[in-house]
C-alpha atoms as a PDB file:
ATOM      1  CA  MET A   1     -12.735  -6.679   8.132  1.00  0.00           C
ATOM      2  CA  CYS A   2     -13.395  -4.778   4.899  1.00  0.00           C
ATOM      3  CA  ASN A   3     -11.276  -6.692   2.321  1.00  0.00           C
ATOM      4  CA  LYS A   4      -9.395  -3.553   1.247  1.00  0.00           C
ATOM      5  CA  GLY A   5      -6.000  -4.454  -0.253  1.00  0.00           C
ATOM      6  CA  PHE A   6      -2.587  -2.880   0.349  1.00  0.00           C
ATOM      7  CA  ARG A   7       0.825  -3.200  -1.316  1.00  0.00           C
ATOM      8  CA  GLN A   8       2.754  -2.820   1.924  1.00  0.00           C
ATOM      9  CA  ALA A   9       2.147  -4.421   5.311  1.00  0.00           C
ATOM     10  CA  TYR A  10       2.612  -1.209   7.278  1.00  0.00           C
ATOM     11  CA  ASN A  11      -0.196   0.432   5.269  1.00  0.00           C
ATOM     12  CA  LEU A  12      -2.487  -2.485   6.160  1.00  0.00           C
ATOM     13  CA  LYS A  13      -1.546  -2.163   9.834  1.00  0.00           C
ATOM     14  CA  ALA A  14      -2.233   1.584   9.795  1.00  0.00           C
ATOM     15  CA  HIS A  15      -5.565   1.009   8.005  1.00  0.00           C
ATOM     16  CA  GLN A  16      -6.677  -1.633  10.532  1.00  0.00           C
ATOM     17  CA  ARG A  17      -6.531   1.031  13.244  1.00  0.00           C
ATOM     18  CA  ILE A  18      -9.646   2.540  11.640  1.00  0.00           C
ATOM     19  CA  HIS A  19     -11.513  -0.629  12.626  1.00  0.00           C
ATOM     20  CA  THR A  20      -9.860  -1.161  16.024  1.00  0.00           C
ATOM     21  CA  GLY A  21      -9.934   2.496  17.053  1.00  0.00           C
ATOM     22  CA  GLU A  22      -6.285   2.261  18.114  1.00  0.00           C
ATOM     23  CA  MET A  23      -4.552   5.670  18.295  1.00  0.00           C
ATOM     24  CA  PRO A  24      -0.974   4.934  19.408  1.00  0.00           C
ATOM     25  CA  TYR A  25       0.557   8.369  18.690  1.00  0.00           C
ATOM     26  CA  THR A  26      -0.178  11.163  21.194  1.00  0.00           C
ATOM     27  CA  CYS A  27       0.709  14.866  21.058  1.00  0.00           C
ATOM     28  CA  THR A  28       2.710  15.808  24.150  1.00  0.00           C
ATOM     29  CA  VAL A  29       1.338  19.366  24.065  1.00  0.00           C
ATOM     30  CA  CYS A  30      -2.446  18.851  23.819  1.00  0.00           C
ATOM     31  CA  ASN A  31      -2.828  15.052  24.260  1.00  0.00           C
ATOM     32  CA  LYS A  32      -4.633  14.603  20.931  1.00  0.00           C
ATOM     33  CA  ASP A  33      -4.282  11.036  19.613  1.00  0.00           C
ATOM     34  CA  PHE A  34      -3.463   9.877  16.066  1.00  0.00           C
ATOM     35  CA  ARG A  35      -3.462   6.596  14.136  1.00  0.00           C
ATOM     36  CA  GLN A  36      -0.267   7.322  12.232  1.00  0.00           C
ATOM     37  CA  ALA A  37       3.052   8.947  13.157  1.00  0.00           C
ATOM     38  CA  TYR A  38       3.027  11.284  10.145  1.00  0.00           C
ATOM     39  CA  ASN A  39      -0.380  12.652  11.213  1.00  0.00           C
ATOM     40  CA  LEU A  40       1.058  13.433  14.649  1.00  0.00           C
ATOM     41  CA  LYS A  41       4.105  15.104  13.076  1.00  0.00           C
ATOM     42  CA  ALA A  42       1.884  17.264  10.853  1.00  0.00           C
ATOM     43  CA  HIS A  43      -0.353  18.119  13.827  1.00  0.00           C
ATOM     44  CA  GLN A  44       2.624  19.219  15.954  1.00  0.00           C
ATOM     45  CA  ARG A  45       3.297  21.976  13.423  1.00  0.00           C
ATOM     46  CA  ILE A  46       0.170  23.679  14.799  1.00  0.00           C
ATOM     47  CA  HIS A  47       2.051  24.130  18.081  1.00  0.00           C
ATOM     48  CA  THR A  48       5.429  25.043  16.541  1.00  0.00           C
ATOM     49  CA  GLY A  49       4.044  27.273  13.779  1.00  0.00           C
ATOM     50  CA  GLU A  50       6.263  25.486  11.252  1.00  0.00           C
ATOM     51  CA  MET A  51       5.149  25.883   7.618  1.00  0.00           C
ATOM     52  CA  PRO A  52       7.688  23.888   5.578  1.00  0.00           C
ATOM     53  CA  HIS A  53       5.743  23.909   2.299  1.00  0.00           C
ATOM     54  CA  THR A  54       5.612  27.294   0.500  1.00  0.00           C
ATOM     55  CA  CYS A  55       3.727  28.374  -2.615  1.00  0.00           C
ATOM     56  CA  THR A  56       6.120  29.680  -5.268  1.00  0.00           C
ATOM     57  CA  VAL A  57       3.466  32.064  -6.616  1.00  0.00           C
ATOM     58  CA  CYS A  58       2.203  33.860  -3.474  1.00  0.00           C
ATOM     59  CA  ASN A  59       4.638  32.632  -0.751  1.00  0.00           C
ATOM     60  CA  LYS A  60       1.804  31.314   1.439  1.00  0.00           C
ATOM     61  CA  GLY A  61       3.036  28.597   3.800  1.00  0.00           C
ATOM     62  CA  PHE A  62       1.454  25.224   4.570  1.00  0.00           C
ATOM     63  CA  ARG A  63       2.014  22.547   7.192  1.00  0.00           C
ATOM     64  CA  GLN A  64       1.495  19.653   4.765  1.00  0.00           C
ATOM     65  CA  ALA A  65       2.494  19.098   1.137  1.00  0.00           C
ATOM     66  CA  TYR A  66      -1.001  18.051   0.059  1.00  0.00           C
ATOM     67  CA  ASN A  67      -2.402  21.364   1.364  1.00  0.00           C
ATOM     68  CA  LEU A  68       0.133  23.225  -0.789  1.00  0.00           C
ATOM     69  CA  LYS A  69      -0.779  21.106  -3.814  1.00  0.00           C
ATOM     70  CA  ALA A  70      -4.484  21.847  -3.337  1.00  0.00           C
ATOM     71  CA  HIS A  71      -3.725  25.557  -2.838  1.00  0.00           C
ATOM     72  CA  GLN A  72      -1.697  25.792  -6.047  1.00  0.00           C
ATOM     73  CA  MET A  73      -4.800  24.829  -8.015  1.00  0.00           C
ATOM     74  CA  ILE A  74      -6.202  28.247  -7.069  1.00  0.00           C
ATOM     75  CA  HIS A  75      -3.494  29.809  -9.236  1.00  0.00           C
ATOM     76  CA  THR A  76      -3.864  27.319 -12.102  1.00  0.00           C
ATOM     77  CA  GLY A  77      -7.656  26.944 -11.960  1.00  0.00           C
ATOM     78  CA  GLU A  78      -7.147  23.188 -12.244  1.00  0.00           C
ATOM     79  CA  THR A  79     -10.075  20.950 -11.243  1.00  0.00           C
ATOM     80  CA  PRO A  80      -9.017  17.417 -12.209  1.00  0.00           C
ATOM     81  CA  TYR A  81     -12.057  15.651 -10.721  1.00  0.00           C
ATOM     82  CA  THR A  82     -15.308  16.160 -12.657  1.00  0.00           C
ATOM     83  CA  CYS A  83     -18.840  15.064 -11.790  1.00  0.00           C
ATOM     84  CA  ALA A  84     -20.256  12.835 -14.539  1.00  0.00           C
ATOM     85  CA  VAL A  85     -23.794  14.082 -13.832  1.00  0.00           C
ATOM     86  CA  CYS A  86     -23.413  17.892 -13.782  1.00  0.00           C
ATOM     87  CA  ASN A  87     -19.805  18.418 -14.987  1.00  0.00           C
ATOM     88  CA  LYS A  88     -18.859  20.437 -11.897  1.00  0.00           C
ATOM     89  CA  GLY A  89     -15.089  20.318 -11.296  1.00  0.00           C
ATOM     90  CA  PHE A  90     -13.282  19.648  -8.013  1.00  0.00           C
ATOM     91  CA  LYS A  91      -9.693  19.943  -6.826  1.00  0.00           C
ATOM     92  CA  GLU A  92      -9.814  16.825  -4.634  1.00  0.00           C
ATOM     93  CA  ALA A  93     -11.263  13.340  -5.196  1.00  0.00           C
ATOM     94  CA  PHE A  94     -12.994  13.358  -1.797  1.00  0.00           C
ATOM     95  CA  GLU A  95     -14.771  16.622  -2.720  1.00  0.00           C
ATOM     96  CA  LEU A  96     -16.171  14.965  -5.849  1.00  0.00           C
ATOM     97  CA  LYS A  97     -17.236  11.883  -3.871  1.00  0.00           C
ATOM     98  CA  THR A  98     -19.057  14.041  -1.317  1.00  0.00           C
ATOM     99  CA  HIS A  99     -20.654  16.138  -4.081  1.00  0.00           C
ATOM    100  CA  GLN A 100     -21.987  13.047  -5.875  1.00  0.00           C
ATOM    101  CA  MET A 101     -24.144  12.294  -2.836  1.00  0.00           C
ATOM    102  CA  ILE A 102     -26.273  15.277  -3.880  1.00  0.00           C
ATOM    103  CA  HIS A 103     -27.273  13.344  -6.986  1.00  0.00           C
ATOM    104  CA  THR A 104     -27.722   9.971  -5.259  1.00  0.00           C
ATOM    105  CA  GLY A 105     -29.375  11.311  -2.100  1.00  0.00           C
ATOM    106  CA  GLU A 106     -26.961   9.207  -0.042  1.00  0.00           C
ATOM    107  CA  LYS A 107     -26.395  10.354   3.553  1.00  0.00           C
ATOM    108  CA  PRO A 108     -24.077   7.772   5.125  1.00  0.00           C
ATOM    109  CA  TYR A 109     -23.581   9.571   8.448  1.00  0.00           C
ATOM    110  CA  THR A 110     -26.639   9.203  10.682  1.00  0.00           C
ATOM    111  CA  CYS A 111     -27.340  10.721  14.083  1.00  0.00           C
ATOM    112  CA  THR A 112     -27.955   7.989  16.663  1.00  0.00           C
ATOM    113  CA  VAL A 113     -30.318  10.265  18.606  1.00  0.00           C
ATOM    114  CA  CYS A 114     -32.699  11.588  15.926  1.00  0.00           C
ATOM    115  CA  ASP A 115     -31.771   9.557  12.781  1.00  0.00           C
ATOM    116  CA  LYS A 116     -31.025  12.696  10.727  1.00  0.00           C
ATOM    117  CA  GLY A 117     -28.605  11.882   7.883  1.00  0.00           C
ATOM    118  CA  PHE A 118     -25.564  13.800   6.641  1.00  0.00           C
ATOM    119  CA  THR A 119     -23.219  13.582   3.662  1.00  0.00           C
ATOM    120  CA  LYS A 120     -20.159  14.495   5.762  1.00  0.00           C
ATOM    121  CA  ALA A 121     -18.952  13.148   9.097  1.00  0.00           C
ATOM    122  CA  SER A 122     -17.976  16.695  10.123  1.00  0.00           C
ATOM    123  CA  HIS A 123     -21.579  17.871   9.614  1.00  0.00           C
ATOM    124  CA  LEU A 124     -22.851  15.014  11.787  1.00  0.00           C
ATOM    125  CA  LYS A 125     -20.343  15.903  14.509  1.00  0.00           C
ATOM    126  CA  ILE A 126     -21.538  19.522  14.549  1.00  0.00           C
ATOM    127  CA  HIS A 127     -25.188  18.390  14.538  1.00  0.00           C
ATOM    128  CA  GLN A 128     -24.644  16.078  17.510  1.00  0.00           C
ATOM    129  CA  MET A 129     -23.685  19.093  19.604  1.00  0.00           C
ATOM    130  CA  ILE A 130     -27.366  20.067  19.497  1.00  0.00           C
ATOM    131  CA  HIS A 131     -28.107  16.969  21.572  1.00  0.00           C
ATOM    132  CA  THR A 132     -25.053  17.196  23.851  1.00  0.00           C
ATOM    133  CA  GLY A 133     -25.086  20.971  24.318  1.00  0.00           C
ATOM    134  CA  GLU A 134     -21.338  20.972  23.686  1.00  0.00           C
ATOM    135  CA  THR A 135     -19.734  24.269  22.615  1.00  0.00           C
ATOM    136  CA  PRO A 136     -16.006  23.562  22.230  1.00  0.00           C
ATOM    137  CA  TYR A 137     -15.047  27.060  21.007  1.00  0.00           C
ATOM    138  CA  THR A 138     -15.225  29.665  23.779  1.00  0.00           C
ATOM    139  CA  CYS A 139     -14.757  33.423  23.566  1.00  0.00           C
ATOM    140  CA  THR A 140     -11.951  34.555  25.883  1.00  0.00           C
ATOM    141  CA  MET A 141     -13.609  37.962  26.310  1.00  0.00           C
ATOM    142  CA  CYS A 142     -17.131  36.970  27.386  1.00  0.00           C
ATOM    143  CA  SER A 143     -17.039  33.139  27.755  1.00  0.00           C
ATOM    144  CA  LYS A 144     -19.807  32.620  25.187  1.00  0.00           C
ATOM    145  CA  GLY A 145     -19.542  29.153  23.602  1.00  0.00           C
ATOM    146  CA  PHE A 146     -19.831  28.151  19.950  1.00  0.00           C
ATOM    147  CA  LYS A 147     -20.100  24.855  18.093  1.00  0.00           C
ATOM    148  CA  GLU A 148     -17.867  25.963  15.205  1.00  0.00           C
ATOM    149  CA  ALA A 149     -14.574  27.898  15.096  1.00  0.00           C
ATOM    150  CA  PHE A 150     -15.701  30.255  12.316  1.00  0.00           C
ATOM    151  CA  LYS A 151     -18.713  31.334  14.406  1.00  0.00           C
ATOM    152  CA  LEU A 152     -16.418  32.174  17.325  1.00  0.00           C
ATOM    153  CA  LYS A 153     -14.131  34.150  15.007  1.00  0.00           C
ATOM    154  CA  SER A 154     -17.096  36.092  13.665  1.00  0.00           C
ATOM    155  CA  HIS A 155     -18.378  36.731  17.205  1.00  0.00           C
ATOM    156  CA  GLN A 156     -15.017  38.062  18.368  1.00  0.00           C
ATOM    157  CA  ARG A 157     -15.329  40.972  15.928  1.00  0.00           C
ATOM    158  CA  ILE A 158     -17.956  42.378  18.304  1.00  0.00           C
ATOM    159  CA  HIS A 159     -15.239  42.810  20.949  1.00  0.00           C
ATOM    160  CA  THR A 160     -12.570  44.116  18.582  1.00  0.00           C
ATOM    161  CA  GLY A 161     -14.862  46.510  16.738  1.00  0.00           C
ATOM    162  CA  GLY A 162     -14.226  44.601  13.519  1.00  0.00           C
ATOM    163  CA  MET A 163     -17.392  45.573  11.670  1.00  0.00           C
ATOM    164  CA  ARG A 164     -16.341  44.405   8.198  1.00  0.00           C
ATOM    165  CA  TYR A 165     -19.671  44.978   6.448  1.00  0.00           C
ATOM    166  CA  THR A 166     -21.204  48.468   6.300  1.00  0.00           C
ATOM    167  CA  CYS A 167     -24.627  49.542   5.056  1.00  0.00           C
ATOM    168  CA  THR A 168     -24.253  52.018   2.190  1.00  0.00           C
ATOM    169  CA  VAL A 169     -27.522  53.726   3.172  1.00  0.00           C
ATOM    170  CA  CYS A 170     -27.104  54.387   6.922  1.00  0.00           C
ATOM    171  CA  ASP A 171     -23.434  53.393   7.610  1.00  0.00           C
ATOM    172  CA  LYS A 172     -24.420  50.831  10.264  1.00  0.00           C
ATOM    173  CA  GLY A 173     -21.702  48.149  10.685  1.00  0.00           C
ATOM    174  CA  PHE A 174     -22.057  44.372  10.821  1.00  0.00           C
ATOM    175  CA  THR A 175     -19.691  41.509  11.569  1.00  0.00           C
ATOM    176  CA  GLN A 176     -21.267  39.185   8.982  1.00  0.00           C
ATOM    177  CA  ALA A 177     -22.391  39.711   5.393  1.00  0.00           C
ATOM    178  CA  SER A 178     -25.638  37.836   6.092  1.00  0.00           C
ATOM    179  CA  HIS A 179     -26.508  40.281   8.888  1.00  0.00           C
ATOM    180  CA  LEU A 180     -25.910  43.244   6.560  1.00  0.00           C
ATOM    181  CA  LYS A 181     -28.082  41.640   3.870  1.00  0.00           C
ATOM    182  CA  ARG A 182     -30.905  41.101   6.372  1.00  0.00           C
ATOM    183  CA  HIS A 183     -30.555  44.698   7.635  1.00  0.00           C
ATOM    184  CA  GLN A 184     -30.717  46.153   4.109  1.00  0.00           C
ATOM    185  CA  MET A 185     -34.271  44.851   3.788  1.00  0.00           C
ATOM    186  CA  ILE A 186     -35.259  47.667   6.166  1.00  0.00           C
ATOM    187  CA  HIS A 187     -34.273  50.137   3.457  1.00  0.00           C
ATOM    188  CA  THR A 188     -35.590  48.187   0.461  1.00  0.00           C
ATOM    189  CA  GLY A 189     -38.848  47.057   2.080  1.00  0.00           C
ATOM    190  CA  LYS A 190     -38.180  43.561   0.698  1.00  0.00           C
ATOM    191  CA  LYS A 191     -39.956  40.815   2.644  1.00  0.00           C
ATOM    192  CA  PRO A 192     -38.745  37.443   1.358  1.00  0.00           C
END
């Protein structure tokens, strides 16, 4: 289908599932489907809490070896993938590939409803929720829905009193740095 080559037959078979959509491995806890057995095994660690890969510098645990490897670059400062246009360094090859789309203007992921283009499939998926109205992350305290997990986490600080950002002028608290920054314009008179 795409003429990509593989050294081993099982890698070809696993790759072909991208084209067929076949997801033969299913999590018995949450029913999420996977193309490959190792992806299911790694996913199941979410349910068990298992973190078999540990950083020798800071003892932080990871579910998968490649996550540990990427994390360790924080300690070394290593960025082995460099953009030929602007010399910006990246820890992962896919990060460089995505970054290069800034220079080319390429947006390979297109919304079928409004034709808006995106550089990442994850950004398209979030965008499509505008059209579907889907909010998969729900607050257990007030049932408010959110499109992204980090927005739910930020929202939940309202219920827990977790005002992490405080105005140095009037001591008013905010759950997000951007909200504090916007508030501070009251004191500075800045009107951007």
